[in-house]
C-alpha atoms as a PDB file:
ATOM      1  CA  MET A   1      50.124-116.053 179.544  1.00  0.00           C
ATOM      2  CA  LEU A   2      53.227-117.146 181.430  1.00  0.00           C
ATOM      3  CA  GLU A   3      56.273-114.808 181.261  1.00  0.00           C
ATOM      4  CA  GLU A   4      57.952-117.975 179.788  1.00  0.00           C
ATOM      5  CA  ASP A   5      55.425-118.093 176.679  1.00  0.00           C
ATOM      6  CA  TRP A   6      56.171-114.242 176.139  1.00  0.00           C
ATOM      7  CA  ASP A   7      59.906-115.058 175.921  1.00  0.00           C
ATOM      8  CA  ARG A   8      58.958-117.774 173.072  1.00  0.00           C
ATOM      9  CA  CYS A   9      56.770-115.260 171.287  1.00  0.00           C
ATOM     10  CA  GLU A  10      59.597-112.623 171.150  1.00  0.00           C
ATOM     11  CA  VAL A  11      61.999-115.535 169.735  1.00  0.00           C
ATOM     12  CA  LEU A  12      59.469-116.690 167.421  1.00  0.00           C
ATOM     13  CA  VAL A  13      58.883-113.171 165.973  1.00  0.00           C
ATOM     14  CA  LYS A  14      62.843-112.810 165.289  1.00  0.00           C
ATOM     15  CA  LEU A  15      62.921-116.437 163.859  1.00  0.00           C
ATOM     16  CA  LEU A  16      59.966-115.888 161.629  1.00  0.00           C
ATOM     17  CA  LYS A  17      61.088-112.567 160.229  1.00  0.00           C
ATOM     18  CA  PRO A  18      63.191-114.257 157.398  1.00  0.00           C
ATOM     19  CA  LEU A  19      60.367-116.493 156.519  1.00  0.00           C
ATOM     20  CA  GLN A  20      57.878-113.778 155.964  1.00  0.00           C
ATOM     21  CA  LEU A  21      60.252-111.776 153.911  1.00  0.00           C
ATOM     22  CA  ALA A  22      60.994-114.745 151.874  1.00  0.00           C
ATOM     23  CA  THR A  23      57.238-115.283 151.558  1.00  0.00           C
ATOM     24  CA  THR A  24      56.925-111.526 150.606  1.00  0.00           C
ATOM     25  CA  ILE A  25      59.568-111.977 147.666  1.00  0.00           C
ATOM     26  CA  LEU A  26      58.195-115.011 146.498  1.00  0.00           C
ATOM     27  CA  CYS A  27      54.362-113.699 146.081  1.00  0.00           C
ATOM     28  CA  SER A  28      55.739-110.318 144.169  1.00  0.00           C
ATOM     29  CA  GLU A  29      53.988-109.507 140.870  1.00  0.00           C
ATOM     30  CA  GLN A  30      56.643-107.068 139.657  1.00  0.00           C
ATOM     31  CA  GLN A  31      59.895-109.339 139.517  1.00  0.00           C
ATOM     32  CA  ILE A  32      60.817-112.704 138.467  1.00  0.00           C
ATOM     33  CA  THR A  33      60.106-115.292 141.298  1.00  0.00           C
ATOM     34  CA  ILE A  34      60.278-118.765 140.012  1.00  0.00           C
ATOM     35  CA  SER A  35      64.133-118.789 139.652  1.00  0.00           C
ATOM     36  CA  MET A  36      64.270-117.466 143.458  1.00  0.00           C
ATOM     37  CA  VAL A  37      62.465-120.170 144.928  1.00  0.00           C
ATOM     38  CA  ARG A  38      65.576-122.757 145.322  1.00  0.00           C
ATOM     39  CA  PRO A  39      68.209-119.948 146.254  1.00  0.00           C
ATOM     40  CA  LEU A  40      65.897-118.423 148.842  1.00  0.00           C
ATOM     41  CA  ILE A  41      65.119-121.828 150.470  1.00  0.00           C
ATOM     42  CA  GLY A  42      68.929-122.708 150.486  1.00  0.00           C
ATOM     43  CA  SER A  43      69.607-119.215 152.149  1.00  0.00           C
ATOM     44  CA  LEU A  44      67.285-119.942 154.738  1.00  0.00           C
ATOM     45  CA  ILE A  45      68.435-123.606 155.663  1.00  0.00           C
ATOM     46  CA  THR A  46      71.863-122.462 155.578  1.00  0.00           C
ATOM     47  CA  LYS A  47      72.037-118.850 156.903  1.00  0.00           C
ATOM     48  CA  HIS A  48      68.775-118.017 159.033  1.00  0.00           C
ATOM     49  CA  LEU A  49      67.893-121.475 160.433  1.00  0.00           C
ATOM     50  CA  SER A  50      71.457-122.610 161.150  1.00  0.00           C
ATOM     51  CA  SER A  51      71.838-123.419 164.815  1.00  0.00           C
ATOM     52  CA  ASN A  52      74.712-121.327 166.782  1.00  0.00           C
ATOM     53  CA  GLN A  53      75.995-121.342 170.331  1.00  0.00           C
ATOM     54  CA  THR A  54      73.861-118.321 171.545  1.00  0.00           C
ATOM     55  CA  ASP A  55      70.579-119.885 170.678  1.00  0.00           C
ATOM     56  CA  CYS A  56      68.118-120.998 173.451  1.00  0.00           C
ATOM     57  CA  VAL A  57      66.806-124.704 173.510  1.00  0.00           C
ATOM     58  CA  PHE A  58      63.327-123.389 171.961  1.00  0.00           C
ATOM     59  CA  ALA A  59      65.263-121.673 169.335  1.00  0.00           C
ATOM     60  CA  THR A  60      67.257-124.547 168.415  1.00  0.00           C
ATOM     61  CA  MET A  61      64.279-126.811 168.108  1.00  0.00           C
ATOM     62  CA  PHE A  62      62.439-124.634 166.133  1.00  0.00           C
ATOM     63  CA  LYS A  63      65.262-124.003 163.347  1.00  0.00           C
ATOM     64  CA  ASN A  64      65.771-128.065 163.295  1.00  0.00           C
ATOM     65  CA  THR A  65      62.285-128.350 162.460  1.00  0.00           C
ATOM     66  CA  VAL A  66      61.730-125.774 160.034  1.00  0.00           C
ATOM     67  CA  SER A  67      65.013-126.539 158.050  1.00  0.00           C
ATOM     68  CA  LYS A  68      64.224-130.211 157.882  1.00  0.00           C
ATOM     69  CA  ASP A  69      60.864-129.718 156.585  1.00  0.00           C
ATOM     70  CA  LEU A  70      61.958-127.360 154.019  1.00  0.00           C
ATOM     71  CA  ALA A  71      64.913-129.340 152.878  1.00  0.00           C
ATOM     72  CA  LYS A  72      62.601-132.162 152.625  1.00  0.00           C
ATOM     73  CA  ARG A  73      59.402-130.231 150.927  1.00  0.00           C
ATOM     74  CA  PHE A  74      62.142-128.990 148.136  1.00  0.00           C
ATOM     75  CA  SER A  75      64.450-131.934 147.975  1.00  0.00           C
ATOM     76  CA  MET A  76      67.449-130.063 149.256  1.00  0.00           C
ATOM     77  CA  GLU A  77      68.733-132.862 151.849  1.00  0.00           C
ATOM     78  CA  SER A  78      72.448-132.951 151.804  1.00  0.00           C
ATOM     79  CA  GLY A  79      74.616-136.019 152.687  1.00  0.00           C
ATOM     80  CA  SER A  80      72.376-138.442 151.214  1.00  0.00           C
ATOM     81  CA  GLU A  81      73.436-140.467 147.908  1.00  0.00           C
ATOM     82  CA  LYS A  82      70.197-142.380 147.688  1.00  0.00           C
ATOM     83  CA  ASN A  83      68.033-139.015 147.945  1.00  0.00           C
ATOM     84  CA  THR A  84      70.152-137.290 145.297  1.00  0.00           C
ATOM     85  CA  ASN A  85      69.867-140.064 142.838  1.00  0.00           C
ATOM     86  CA  GLU A  86      65.746-139.964 143.204  1.00  0.00           C
ATOM     87  CA  ILE A  87      65.699-136.159 143.073  1.00  0.00           C
ATOM     88  CA  LEU A  88      63.883-135.082 139.709  1.00  0.00           C
ATOM     89  CA  VAL A  89      64.940-131.806 138.049  1.00  0.00           C
ATOM     90  CA  ASN A  90      62.000-129.431 138.177  1.00  0.00           C
ATOM     91  CA  VAL A  91      61.099-125.990 136.576  1.00  0.00           C
ATOM     92  CA  SER A  92      62.192-124.093 139.627  1.00  0.00           C
ATOM     93  CA  GLN A  93      65.841-125.437 139.026  1.00  0.00           C
ATOM     94  CA  ILE A  94      65.772-124.875 135.076  1.00  0.00           C
ATOM     95  CA  ALA A  95      64.910-121.348 135.704  1.00  0.00           C
ATOM     96  CA  SER A  96      67.597-120.824 138.402  1.00  0.00           C
ATOM     97  CA  LEU A  97      69.901-121.851 135.727  1.00  0.00           C
ATOM     98  CA  LEU A  98      68.502-119.396 132.995  1.00  0.00           C
ATOM     99  CA  ASP A  99      68.619-116.538 135.575  1.00  0.00           C
ATOM    100  CA  PRO A 100      71.812-114.717 135.286  1.00  0.00           C
ATOM    101  CA  ARG A 101      71.639-114.077 138.970  1.00  0.00           C
ATOM    102  CA  TYR A 102      71.737-117.465 140.222  1.00  0.00           C
ATOM    103  CA  LYS A 103      72.944-119.785 137.193  1.00  0.00           C
ATOM    104  CA  ASN A 104      76.031-120.967 139.233  1.00  0.00           C
ATOM    105  CA  LEU A 105      73.384-123.091 141.239  1.00  0.00           C
ATOM    106  CA  LYS A 106      75.882-122.617 144.576  1.00  0.00           C
ATOM    107  CA  PHE A 107      72.469-123.359 146.605  1.00  0.00           C
ATOM    108  CA  GLU A 108      72.481-127.152 145.223  1.00  0.00           C
ATOM    109  CA  HIS A 109      74.050-129.423 147.584  1.00  0.00           C
ATOM    110  CA  SER A 110      75.072-131.776 145.124  1.00  0.00           C
ATOM    111  CA  GLU A 111      77.510-131.198 142.137  1.00  0.00           C
ATOM    112  CA  GLU A 112      75.665-134.175 140.534  1.00  0.00           C
ATOM    113  CA  ILE A 113      72.408-132.142 140.418  1.00  0.00           C
ATOM    114  CA  LYS A 114      74.081-129.333 138.803  1.00  0.00           C
ATOM    115  CA  TYR A 115      75.473-131.490 136.101  1.00  0.00           C
ATOM    116  CA  ARG A 116      71.925-133.301 135.812  1.00  0.00           C
ATOM    117  CA  ILE A 117      70.277-129.846 135.100  1.00  0.00           C
ATOM    118  CA  GLN A 118      72.547-128.462 132.376  1.00  0.00           C
ATOM    119  CA  PRO A 119      71.611-131.170 129.756  1.00  0.00           C
ATOM    120  CA  ILE A 120      67.889-130.773 130.297  1.00  0.00           C
ATOM    121  CA  VAL A 121      68.379-127.071 129.628  1.00  0.00           C
ATOM    122  CA  ARG A 122      70.480-127.972 126.575  1.00  0.00           C
ATOM    123  CA  SER A 123      67.926-130.078 124.851  1.00  0.00           C
ATOM    124  CA  LYS A 124      65.262-127.579 125.483  1.00  0.00           C
ATOM    125  CA  VAL A 125      67.323-125.113 123.573  1.00  0.00           C
ATOM    126  CA  LEU A 126      67.612-127.439 120.931  1.00  0.00           C
ATOM    127  CA  SER A 127      63.680-127.969 120.689  1.00  0.00           C
ATOM    128  CA  VAL A 128      63.244-124.207 120.818  1.00  0.00           C
ATOM    129  CA  ASN A 129      65.921-124.016 117.834  1.00  0.00           C
ATOM    130  CA  GLN A 130      63.732-126.541 116.106  1.00  0.00           C
ATOM    131  CA  ILE A 131      60.435-124.755 116.834  1.00  0.00           C
ATOM    132  CA  SER A 132      62.028-121.833 115.475  1.00  0.00           C
ATOM    133  CA  THR A 133      63.001-123.231 112.052  1.00  0.00           C
ATOM    134  CA  THR A 134      59.417-124.113 111.245  1.00  0.00           C
ATOM    135  CA  VAL A 135      57.321-121.478 113.166  1.00  0.00           C
ATOM    136  CA  CYS A 136      58.609-118.033 112.877  1.00  0.00           C
ATOM    137  CA  GLY A 137      56.386-116.516 115.364  1.00  0.00           C
ATOM    138  CA  ASN A 138      58.145-113.107 116.750  1.00  0.00           C
ATOM    139  CA  ILE A 139      61.841-114.189 116.081  1.00  0.00           C
ATOM    140  CA  GLN A 140      63.187-112.057 113.355  1.00  0.00           C
ATOM    141  CA  ILE A 141      64.880-113.851 110.575  1.00  0.00           C
ATOM    142  CA  ALA A 142      68.223-112.150 109.327  1.00  0.00           C
ATOM    143  CA  LYS A 143      68.326-111.299 105.492  1.00  0.00           C
ATOM    144  CA  LYS A 144      71.011-113.024 103.778  1.00  0.00           C
ATOM    145  CA  THR A 145      73.917-110.885 102.666  1.00  0.00           C
ATOM    146  CA  ILE A 146      76.522-111.361  99.671  1.00  0.00           C
ATOM    147  CA  LEU A 147      78.815-112.952 102.003  1.00  0.00           C
ATOM    148  CA  ASP A 148      76.504-115.478 102.973  1.00  0.00           C
ATOM    149  CA  GLU A 149      75.818-116.295  99.479  1.00  0.00           C
ATOM    150  CA  LEU A 150      79.726-117.052  99.000  1.00  0.00           C
ATOM    151  CA  MET A 151      80.709-118.296 102.157  1.00  0.00           C
ATOM    152  CA  GLY A 152      77.382-119.879 103.639  1.00  0.00           C
ATOM    153  CA  GLN A 153      75.168-118.263 106.411  1.00  0.00           C
ATOM    154  CA  PHE A 154      77.009-118.131 109.732  1.00  0.00           C
ATOM    155  CA  SER A 155      75.428-119.993 112.783  1.00  0.00           C
ATOM    156  CA  ASP A 156      76.721-120.924 115.964  1.00  0.00           C
ATOM    157  CA  ASP A 157      76.437-124.138 117.405  1.00  0.00           C
ATOM    158  CA  ASP A 158      73.722-124.398 119.887  1.00  0.00           C
ATOM    159  CA  GLU A 159      75.882-126.344 122.663  1.00  0.00           C
ATOM    160  CA  ASP A 160      78.584-123.344 121.972  1.00  0.00           C
ATOM    161  CA  GLU A 161      75.802-120.894 122.912  1.00  0.00           C
ATOM    162  CA  PHE A 162      74.943-122.565 126.062  1.00  0.00           C
ATOM    163  CA  THR A 163      78.617-123.024 127.198  1.00  0.00           C
ATOM    164  CA  ARG A 164      79.184-119.253 126.353  1.00  0.00           C
ATOM    165  CA  TYR A 165      76.123-118.291 128.511  1.00  0.00           C
ATOM    166  CA  LEU A 166      77.638-120.621 131.281  1.00  0.00           C
ATOM    167  CA  SER A 167      80.852-118.823 131.206  1.00  0.00           C
ATOM    168  CA  GLU A 168      79.336-115.345 131.652  1.00  0.00           C
ATOM    169  CA  PRO A 169      79.993-113.948 135.181  1.00  0.00           C
ATOM    170  CA  GLN A 170      77.402-114.213 137.480  1.00  0.00           C
ATOM    171  CA  ILE A 171      75.392-110.863 138.294  1.00  0.00           C
ATOM    172  CA  ASN A 172      74.260-109.331 141.660  1.00  0.00           C
ATOM    173  CA  HIS A 173      71.008-110.735 143.198  1.00  0.00           C
ATOM    174  CA  ASN A 174      69.963-107.106 143.104  1.00  0.00           C
ATOM    175  CA  ASP A 175      70.153-106.612 139.306  1.00  0.00           C
ATOM    176  CA  ASN A 176      67.602-107.079 136.763  1.00  0.00           C
ATOM    177  CA  PRO A 177      67.575-110.348 134.827  1.00  0.00           C
ATOM    178  CA  CYS A 178      64.886-109.007 132.414  1.00  0.00           C
ATOM    179  CA  LEU A 179      67.127-105.704 131.059  1.00  0.00           C
ATOM    180  CA  TRP A 180      70.388-108.405 131.376  1.00  0.00           C
ATOM    181  CA  TRP A 181      68.537-110.716 129.074  1.00  0.00           C
ATOM    182  CA  LYS A 182      66.945-107.824 127.045  1.00  0.00           C
ATOM    183  CA  ALA A 183      70.758-106.450 126.461  1.00  0.00           C
ATOM    184  CA  ARG A 184      71.871-109.903 125.353  1.00  0.00           C
ATOM    185  CA  GLU A 185      69.109-111.512 123.288  1.00  0.00           C
ATOM    186  CA  ASN A 186      70.843-111.101 120.008  1.00  0.00           C
ATOM    187  CA  VAL A 187      73.913-112.671 121.550  1.00  0.00           C
ATOM    188  CA  TYR A 188      71.864-115.559 122.793  1.00  0.00           C
ATOM    189  CA  PRO A 189      68.995-115.846 120.567  1.00  0.00           C
ATOM    190  CA  LYS A 190      68.057-119.343 121.267  1.00  0.00           C
ATOM    191  CA  ILE A 191      68.492-119.324 125.008  1.00  0.00           C
ATOM    192  CA  SER A 192      66.988-115.864 125.592  1.00  0.00           C
ATOM    193  CA  VAL A 193      63.540-117.647 123.893  1.00  0.00           C
ATOM    194  CA  LEU A 194      63.660-120.177 126.423  1.00  0.00           C
ATOM    195  CA  ALA A 195      64.722-117.802 129.302  1.00  0.00           C
ATOM    196  CA  LYS A 196      61.521-115.744 128.359  1.00  0.00           C
ATOM    197  CA  ASN A 197      58.985-118.761 128.575  1.00  0.00           C
ATOM    198  CA  ILE A 198      60.367-120.147 131.779  1.00  0.00           C
ATOM    199  CA  LEU A 199      60.967-117.080 133.593  1.00  0.00           C
ATOM    200  CA  CYS A 200      57.553-115.543 133.341  1.00  0.00           C
ATOM    201  CA  ILE A 201      56.157-118.558 135.428  1.00  0.00           C
ATOM    202  CA  PRO A 202      55.139-117.203 139.072  1.00  0.00           C
ATOM    203  CA  ALA A 203      56.443-118.867 141.864  1.00  0.00           C
ATOM    204  CA  SER A 204      53.095-118.963 143.504  1.00  0.00           C
ATOM    205  CA  SER A 205      49.340-118.720 142.810  1.00  0.00           C
ATOM    206  CA  ALA A 206      49.251-115.454 145.262  1.00  0.00           C
ATOM    207  CA  SER A 207      48.664-113.041 142.425  1.00  0.00           C
ATOM    208  CA  SER A 208      45.480-115.055 140.771  1.00  0.00           C
ATOM    209  CA  GLU A 209      44.294-115.427 144.313  1.00  0.00           C
ATOM    210  CA  ARG A 210      44.418-111.663 145.068  1.00  0.00           C
ATOM    211  CA  VAL A 211      42.409-111.177 141.953  1.00  0.00           C
ATOM    212  CA  PHE A 212      39.623-113.681 142.910  1.00  0.00           C
ATOM    213  CA  SER A 213      39.723-111.652 146.384  1.00  0.00           C
ATOM    214  CA  THR A 214      39.333-108.310 144.529  1.00  0.00           C
ATOM    215  CA  ALA A 215      36.484-109.572 142.454  1.00  0.00           C
ATOM    216  CA  GLY A 216      34.768-111.088 145.540  1.00  0.00           C
ATOM    217  CA  ASN A 217      35.016-107.675 147.543  1.00  0.00           C
ATOM    218  CA  ILE A 218      33.533-105.708 144.521  1.00  0.00           C
ATOM    219  CA  ILE A 219      30.563-107.999 143.641  1.00  0.00           C
ATOM    220  CA  THR A 220      27.991-107.863 146.448  1.00  0.00           C
ATOM    221  CA  PRO A 221      24.414-108.762 146.999  1.00  0.00           C
ATOM    222  CA  LYS A 222      23.596-105.102 146.014  1.00  0.00           C
ATOM    223  CA  ARG A 223      25.852-105.149 143.120  1.00  0.00           C
ATOM    224  CA  ASN A 224      24.806-108.332 141.457  1.00  0.00           C
ATOM    225  CA  GLN A 225      23.783-106.898 138.072  1.00  0.00           C
ATOM    226  CA  MET A 226      27.123-105.756 137.233  1.00  0.00           C
ATOM    227  CA  THR A 227      28.226-106.603 134.074  1.00  0.00           C
ATOM    228  CA  PRO A 228      31.388-108.863 133.424  1.00  0.00           C
ATOM    229  CA  TYR A 229      33.140-105.740 131.342  1.00  0.00           C
ATOM    230  CA  HIS A 230      32.592-103.197 134.381  1.00  0.00           C
ATOM    231  CA  LEU A 231      33.798-105.976 136.745  1.00  0.00           C
ATOM    232  CA  SER A 232      36.683-106.094 134.789  1.00  0.00           C
ATOM    233  CA  ALA A 233      37.533-102.818 134.421  1.00  0.00           C
ATOM    234  CA  LEU A 234      37.068-102.228 138.717  1.00  0.00           C
ATOM    235  CA  VAL A 235      39.287-105.230 139.409  1.00  0.00           C
ATOM    236  CA  PHE A 236      41.794-103.905 136.775  1.00  0.00           C
ATOM    237  CA  LEU A 237      41.697-100.313 138.396  1.00  0.00           C
ATOM    238  CA  LYS A 238      42.016-101.578 141.832  1.00  0.00           C
ATOM    239  CA  ASN A 239      45.004-103.698 141.042  1.00  0.00           C
ATOM    240  CA  GLN A 240      46.573-100.502 139.760  1.00  0.00           C
ATOM    241  CA  ALA A 241      46.039 -98.355 142.602  1.00  0.00           C
END
């Protein structure tokens, strides 16, 4: 290799570091990941892949190429009214709104997109309310009191519940959203049910692929008589190590 190639490799190591960190976080199994997809991509594009005067020609070309590809892949292009109107709201955007760390949606390039996400979440909250009235599931129904009999049972409007949630201050990105929702599931009972259903979705298939890889390493030609029960137990023990 030429000396110029070694210099480029050194530049690439620095440029790829933020991408490697983002990939590691999105493949995590110990925290919520689906709501972090767009905030992390937005941060990569605006902070780590933005060109500056100290960049060499190679670094500038790399940043521009990668940032354009990421923006196109995740529909985060800015400055195009046509592209804005064609963007469809996906589950990662809904998850970000339901995550108290990112609910302000500062990473979205258009205010129109923000206002498009909110009605969709509102409608989903209403659907959760309709389901909860017919199927109790794990939702606890409060017993009627004497005041309920005299004055009618108290119930917040679904839209007011959602508005109150939006008015809550956004928490730090290092805080645990699961603990936040656990502490407020009685304050926002309908939204908390929706948040649990959405935020549990993994951002990638890395965790399931790890399980297949583990099982493939355990089952060998000399161990082909292993029962499914023992295989499942060994995979479980391996993932707990």
